[in-house]
């Protein structure tokens, strides 16, 4: 039997109100009122110090071990990636297919992270995405200095998809080390911009004529949440000797009645397996299965996985 597919960058079919059009009914827990206005206007928001420093240290050490690289020896940083990505622009961008280790779950279960997504969705019944991490060393070959810009959803679909994504920074991210970049003006002015485009425009890659990218700076432990309708991408790491590291964390409304997906999520957690996704083929070594144990979940974690009901 073919394995079920756990969705990545989750577009939520049950929602009818775009995230920026939500009228809050729950009080803000983590975001300030200024944060909320920034979120609905620009399509992203940064939650500072979303996880404790010890969580960051634990995960940083784990990712070096998982990727079989020595943080003190840059000569080990450039081993060929283990598999090609179907989305070619993601090749050699440092994607690590590690999904279910305890240290990943520790961050997913942090109350501050959960509460931030409660603010975003204006609801408490959420599931966390089972997503991966990133370790990106400085680029040796100087290619496109600006990186790429794309959407993770098809922007030609009507109604437009509804979803949210998140990046937890594990190292200081600034202009030298590269990292997340986005186009807030295209988010806020999408409707007007779309009217200027050809009917057969690329719905996944915007025409950037006249658009300006914004480079996002974060400290280790900061979480950036962004709307899936925000055009974004990754800038190359052009530093001399610094790596960029991150964990991808997002949440979406729970789907308790979707028993196929719920059971697959539980299986992935219990068996330390990788999701079946088109863009990411999984770790060919099955490193987690050989080097880790099933993560221990808190009561919040059991609900975020789907093991317990909200």
Protein backbone atom coordinates (compact mmCIF):
# COMPACT_ATOMS: atom_id res chain seq x y z
CA UNK A 1 0.00 0.00 0.00
CA UNK A 2 1.29 3.45 -0.88
CA UNK A 3 2.01 5.62 2.13
CA UNK A 4 -0.23 8.56 2.83
CA UNK A 5 1.08 12.03 2.11
CA UNK A 6 1.54 14.56 4.88
CA UNK A 7 1.17 18.00 3.39
CA UNK A 8 3.91 20.61 3.47
CA UNK A 9 3.31 24.39 3.45
CA UNK A 10 -0.26 23.52 4.39
CA UNK A 11 -2.98 25.40 2.42
CA UNK A 12 -6.08 25.18 4.59
CA UNK A 13 -9.12 24.27 2.55
CA UNK A 14 -11.49 24.62 5.51
CA UNK A 15 -10.75 28.32 5.93
CA UNK A 16 -12.67 30.92 3.96
CA UNK A 17 -11.22 34.14 5.43
CA UNK A 18 -7.76 35.20 4.33
CA UNK A 19 -5.36 35.49 7.27
CA UNK A 20 -4.86 39.23 6.80
CA UNK A 21 -8.63 39.75 6.89
CA UNK A 22 -9.23 37.97 10.22
CA UNK A 23 -11.10 40.03 12.79
CA UNK A 24 -9.62 39.02 16.12
CA UNK A 25 -11.85 37.34 18.70
CA UNK A 26 -9.08 36.03 20.98
CA UNK A 27 -6.76 38.41 22.86
CA UNK A 28 -3.20 38.58 21.57
CA UNK A 29 -0.87 36.31 23.55
CA UNK A 30 2.57 36.94 22.03
CA UNK A 31 2.18 39.51 19.27
CA UNK A 32 1.76 43.16 20.15
CA UNK A 33 -0.82 45.29 18.39
CA UNK A 34 2.01 46.76 16.27
CA UNK A 35 3.14 43.22 15.43
CA UNK A 36 -0.39 42.35 14.34
CA UNK A 37 -0.65 45.39 12.08
CA UNK A 38 2.74 44.58 10.57
CA UNK A 39 1.61 41.00 9.96
CA UNK A 40 -1.61 41.87 8.13
CA UNK A 41 0.08 44.65 6.12
CA UNK A 42 3.40 43.06 5.18
CA UNK A 43 2.70 39.34 5.36
CA UNK A 44 5.32 38.46 7.98
CA UNK A 45 6.16 39.02 11.63
CA UNK A 46 9.15 38.16 13.84
CA UNK A 47 8.72 36.67 17.32
CA UNK A 48 11.89 37.44 19.25
CA UNK A 49 13.39 34.82 21.57
CA UNK A 50 10.72 32.27 20.71
CA UNK A 51 12.68 29.38 22.26
CA UNK A 52 15.23 29.16 25.11
CA UNK A 53 18.97 29.32 24.27
CA UNK A 54 19.51 25.73 25.42
CA UNK A 55 17.00 24.54 22.80
CA UNK A 56 18.99 26.36 20.14
CA UNK A 57 22.30 24.90 21.35
CA UNK A 58 20.91 21.35 21.42
CA UNK A 59 19.56 21.58 17.90
CA UNK A 60 22.66 23.25 16.45
CA UNK A 61 24.82 20.41 17.78
CA UNK A 62 22.36 17.83 16.44
CA UNK A 63 22.29 19.30 12.94
CA UNK A 64 26.08 19.22 12.66
CA UNK A 65 26.04 15.56 13.68
CA UNK A 66 23.14 14.72 11.39
CA UNK A 67 24.88 16.31 8.41
CA UNK A 68 28.21 14.61 9.29
CA UNK A 69 30.07 17.92 9.32
CA UNK A 70 32.51 19.42 11.80
CA UNK A 71 31.71 23.01 12.86
CA UNK A 72 35.43 23.60 13.51
CA UNK A 73 36.59 22.27 10.12
CA UNK A 74 35.22 24.17 7.09
CA UNK A 75 36.74 21.56 4.78
CA UNK A 76 33.89 19.24 5.85
CA UNK A 77 31.14 21.72 5.03
CA UNK A 78 30.96 21.09 1.30
CA UNK A 79 30.12 17.42 0.94
CA UNK A 80 27.73 16.83 -1.99
CA UNK A 81 24.05 16.82 -1.04
CA UNK A 82 22.75 13.29 -0.69
CA UNK A 83 19.84 13.56 -3.12
CA UNK A 84 18.64 15.96 -5.77
CA UNK A 85 15.59 18.09 -4.99
CA UNK A 86 12.70 18.11 -7.43
CA UNK A 87 12.51 21.89 -6.95
CA UNK A 88 15.86 22.64 -8.57
CA UNK A 89 16.36 26.04 -6.92
CA UNK A 90 16.56 24.25 -3.57
CA UNK A 91 19.60 22.22 -4.60
CA UNK A 92 22.67 23.14 -2.54
CA UNK A 93 20.70 25.44 -0.23
CA UNK A 94 21.46 23.31 2.83
CA UNK A 95 18.11 21.55 3.31
CA UNK A 96 18.38 18.82 5.96
CA UNK A 97 15.76 16.09 5.92
CA UNK A 98 15.47 15.54 9.64
CA UNK A 99 11.89 15.58 10.89
CA UNK A 100 11.09 13.87 14.18
CA UNK A 101 14.02 14.13 16.58
CA UNK A 102 13.29 15.14 20.17
CA UNK A 103 15.10 18.46 19.74
CA UNK A 104 12.85 19.40 16.81
CA UNK A 105 9.77 18.51 18.85
CA UNK A 106 11.08 20.47 21.85
CA UNK A 107 10.84 23.64 19.80
CA UNK A 108 7.49 22.74 18.26
CA UNK A 109 6.08 22.29 21.76
CA UNK A 110 7.36 25.60 23.13
CA UNK A 111 4.36 27.52 24.49
CA UNK A 112 5.58 30.83 23.07
CA UNK A 113 5.69 29.38 19.56
CA UNK A 114 2.26 27.79 19.90
CA UNK A 115 0.77 31.00 21.32
CA UNK A 116 2.19 33.01 18.40
CA UNK A 117 0.38 30.76 15.93
CA UNK A 118 -2.79 31.04 18.03
CA UNK A 119 -2.48 34.79 17.52
CA UNK A 120 -2.07 34.32 13.76
CA UNK A 121 -4.96 31.90 13.27
CA UNK A 122 -7.20 33.31 16.04
CA UNK A 123 -7.92 29.77 17.20
CA UNK A 124 -6.38 27.25 19.60
CA UNK A 125 -7.01 23.91 17.83
CA UNK A 126 -3.80 23.67 15.80
CA UNK A 127 -1.55 20.97 14.38
CA UNK A 128 2.17 21.56 13.86
CA UNK A 129 3.79 20.77 10.52
CA UNK A 130 6.31 17.92 10.47
CA UNK A 131 9.02 19.84 8.71
CA UNK A 132 12.78 19.88 8.25
CA UNK A 133 15.86 22.01 9.01
CA UNK A 134 18.66 23.85 7.21
CA UNK A 135 22.44 24.14 7.46
CA UNK A 136 23.92 26.37 4.78
CA UNK A 137 27.67 27.14 4.62
CA UNK A 138 29.18 30.07 2.69
CA UNK A 139 28.88 29.72 -1.05
CA UNK A 140 32.18 28.86 -2.73
CA UNK A 141 31.07 29.59 -6.28
CA UNK A 142 29.64 33.08 -6.61
CA UNK A 143 26.48 32.67 -8.65
CA UNK A 144 23.35 34.81 -8.51
CA UNK A 145 24.01 37.16 -5.56
CA UNK A 146 20.30 37.85 -5.11
CA UNK A 147 19.02 34.31 -4.74
CA UNK A 148 15.49 33.49 -5.89
CA UNK A 149 11.93 34.68 -5.26
CA UNK A 150 8.88 32.45 -5.50
CA UNK A 151 5.56 31.52 -3.92
CA UNK A 152 4.98 28.13 -2.32
CA UNK A 153 1.34 28.19 -3.42
CA UNK A 154 -0.30 28.63 -6.82
CA UNK A 155 -1.39 32.28 -6.90
CA UNK A 156 -3.67 31.72 -9.90
CA UNK A 157 -6.11 29.64 -7.82
CA UNK A 158 -9.35 31.28 -6.75
CA UNK A 159 -10.11 31.62 -3.99
CA UNK A 160 -6.46 32.20 -3.15
CA UNK A 161 -4.90 29.50 -0.94
CA UNK A 162 -4.74 30.17 2.80
CA UNK A 163 -1.63 29.10 4.68
CA UNK A 164 1.23 30.16 6.88
CA UNK A 165 4.87 29.13 7.26
CA UNK A 166 7.59 29.71 9.82
CA UNK A 167 11.38 29.76 10.16
CA UNK A 168 13.18 29.48 13.51
CA UNK A 169 16.67 30.97 13.24
CA UNK A 170 19.43 28.99 14.97
CA UNK A 171 22.27 31.39 14.17
CA UNK A 172 22.42 35.15 13.70
CA UNK A 173 21.02 35.92 10.26
CA UNK A 174 22.13 39.13 8.57
CA UNK A 175 23.16 40.49 5.20
CA UNK A 176 26.43 38.57 5.06
CA UNK A 177 25.08 35.14 5.92
CA UNK A 178 22.04 35.45 3.67
CA UNK A 179 18.74 33.83 4.50
CA UNK A 180 15.10 34.75 4.15
CA UNK A 181 14.12 37.55 1.82
CA UNK A 182 10.65 38.64 0.77
CA UNK A 183 8.61 41.18 -1.18
CA UNK A 184 6.11 42.87 1.20
CA UNK A 185 5.00 45.40 -1.43
CA UNK A 186 3.84 42.54 -3.65
CA UNK A 187 1.89 41.08 -0.72
CA UNK A 188 0.12 44.32 0.17
CA UNK A 189 -0.46 45.32 -3.46
CA UNK A 190 -1.09 41.91 -4.99
CA UNK A 191 -4.53 42.61 -6.44
CA UNK A 192 -3.42 45.76 -8.25
CA UNK A 193 -0.18 44.14 -9.40
CA UNK A 194 -1.96 41.10 -10.81
CA UNK A 195 -4.10 43.30 -13.05
CA UNK A 196 -0.92 44.52 -14.77
CA UNK A 197 0.28 41.00 -15.55
CA UNK A 198 -0.37 38.80 -18.57
CA UNK A 199 -3.14 36.20 -18.20
CA UNK A 200 -0.58 33.40 -18.58
CA UNK A 201 1.81 34.77 -15.92
CA UNK A 202 3.86 32.28 -13.92
CA UNK A 203 1.74 31.75 -10.77
CA UNK A 204 4.72 30.49 -8.75
CA UNK A 205 7.40 33.06 -9.71
CA UNK A 206 6.53 36.79 -9.86
CA UNK A 207 7.82 39.27 -12.39
CA UNK A 208 10.03 41.35 -10.12
CA UNK A 209 10.06 44.45 -12.35
CA UNK A 210 9.70 47.46 -10.06
CA UNK A 211 9.59 45.31 -6.92
CA UNK A 212 12.05 45.51 -4.03
CA UNK A 213 13.11 42.65 -1.79
CA UNK A 214 13.49 43.01 1.97
CA UNK A 215 16.24 41.07 3.74
CA UNK A 216 15.19 39.77 7.14
CA UNK A 217 17.64 39.89 10.04
CA UNK A 218 17.16 37.59 13.04
CA UNK A 219 19.02 36.45 16.12
CA UNK A 220 19.34 32.83 17.20
CA UNK A 221 16.03 31.76 18.74
CA UNK A 222 13.87 34.21 16.76
CA UNK A 223 10.88 32.87 14.85
CA UNK A 224 9.62 34.46 11.65
CA UNK A 225 6.06 33.62 10.58
CA UNK A 226 5.00 34.47 7.06
CA UNK A 227 1.84 34.26 4.97
CA UNK A 228 2.04 31.73 2.14
CA UNK A 229 0.94 34.51 -0.23
CA UNK A 230 4.15 36.43 0.55
CA UNK A 231 6.62 36.05 -2.32
CA UNK A 232 9.90 35.01 -0.74
CA UNK A 233 13.15 33.16 -1.24
CA UNK A 234 16.64 32.48 0.05
CA UNK A 235 19.66 34.72 -0.40
CA UNK A 236 22.97 32.90 -0.78
CA UNK A 237 25.43 32.83 2.11
CA UNK A 238 28.31 35.07 0.99
CA UNK A 239 30.05 35.30 4.36
CA UNK A 240 33.62 34.13 4.82
CA UNK A 241 33.18 31.53 7.55
CA UNK A 242 29.66 31.58 8.99
CA UNK A 243 26.89 29.05 8.47
CA UNK A 244 23.17 29.75 8.36
CA UNK A 245 21.03 27.31 10.37
CA UNK A 246 17.27 27.14 10.84
CA UNK A 247 14.34 24.92 11.72
CA UNK A 248 11.09 25.20 9.77
CA UNK A 249 8.07 25.33 12.07
CA UNK A 250 4.49 26.15 11.21
CA UNK A 251 0.99 25.37 12.45
CA UNK A 252 -2.43 25.12 10.87
CA UNK A 253 -5.97 24.28 12.01
CA UNK A 254 -6.22 20.70 13.24
CA UNK A 255 -8.02 18.18 11.04
CA UNK A 256 -9.09 15.59 13.58
CA UNK A 257 -11.65 14.03 11.23
CA UNK A 258 -9.03 13.46 8.50
CA UNK A 259 -8.13 10.06 9.89
CA UNK A 260 -5.76 9.13 7.08
CA UNK A 261 -3.57 12.18 7.61
CA UNK A 262 -3.83 12.00 11.40
CA UNK A 263 -2.64 8.38 11.48
CA UNK A 264 0.18 9.13 9.05
CA UNK A 265 1.38 12.00 11.24
CA UNK A 266 1.40 9.68 14.25
CA UNK A 267 3.27 7.00 12.30
CA UNK A 268 5.96 9.46 11.18
CA UNK A 269 6.51 10.55 14.79
CA UNK A 270 6.51 7.01 16.20
CA UNK A 271 8.73 5.49 13.48
CA UNK A 272 10.96 8.56 12.94
CA UNK A 273 10.12 8.44 9.25
CA UNK A 274 10.10 11.22 6.67
CA UNK A 275 6.93 12.63 5.08
CA UNK A 276 6.13 11.60 1.51
CA UNK A 277 6.42 14.90 -0.32
CA UNK A 278 7.15 15.74 -3.92
CA UNK A 279 9.80 18.37 -3.22
CA UNK A 280 11.83 16.40 -0.65
CA UNK A 281 12.69 12.70 -1.17
CA UNK A 282 13.89 11.96 2.37
CA UNK A 283 17.24 11.14 3.97
CA UNK A 284 18.71 8.08 2.16
CA UNK A 285 20.59 7.02 5.31
CA UNK A 286 17.49 6.88 7.56
CA UNK A 287 19.72 8.58 10.12
CA UNK A 288 16.96 9.32 12.59
CA UNK A 289 15.78 5.72 12.70
CA UNK A 290 19.31 4.57 13.56
CA UNK A 291 20.35 7.37 15.91
CA UNK A 292 17.29 8.59 17.80
CA UNK A 293 14.26 7.43 19.78
CA UNK A 294 10.63 8.42 19.39
CA UNK A 295 10.25 11.91 20.83
CA UNK A 296 8.55 12.31 24.20
CA UNK A 297 5.57 14.63 23.87
CA UNK A 298 4.04 16.97 26.40
CA UNK A 299 0.23 17.19 26.61
CA UNK A 300 0.46 20.17 24.24
CA UNK A 301 2.68 18.15 21.89
CA UNK A 302 0.15 15.30 21.80
CA UNK A 303 -2.50 17.73 20.60
CA UNK A 304 -0.18 19.43 18.11
CA UNK A 305 0.61 16.03 16.58
CA UNK A 306 -2.96 14.70 16.55
CA UNK A 307 -2.41 12.01 19.17
CA UNK A 308 -4.88 13.75 21.50
CA UNK A 309 -7.91 15.83 20.53
CA UNK A 310 -8.33 19.51 21.24
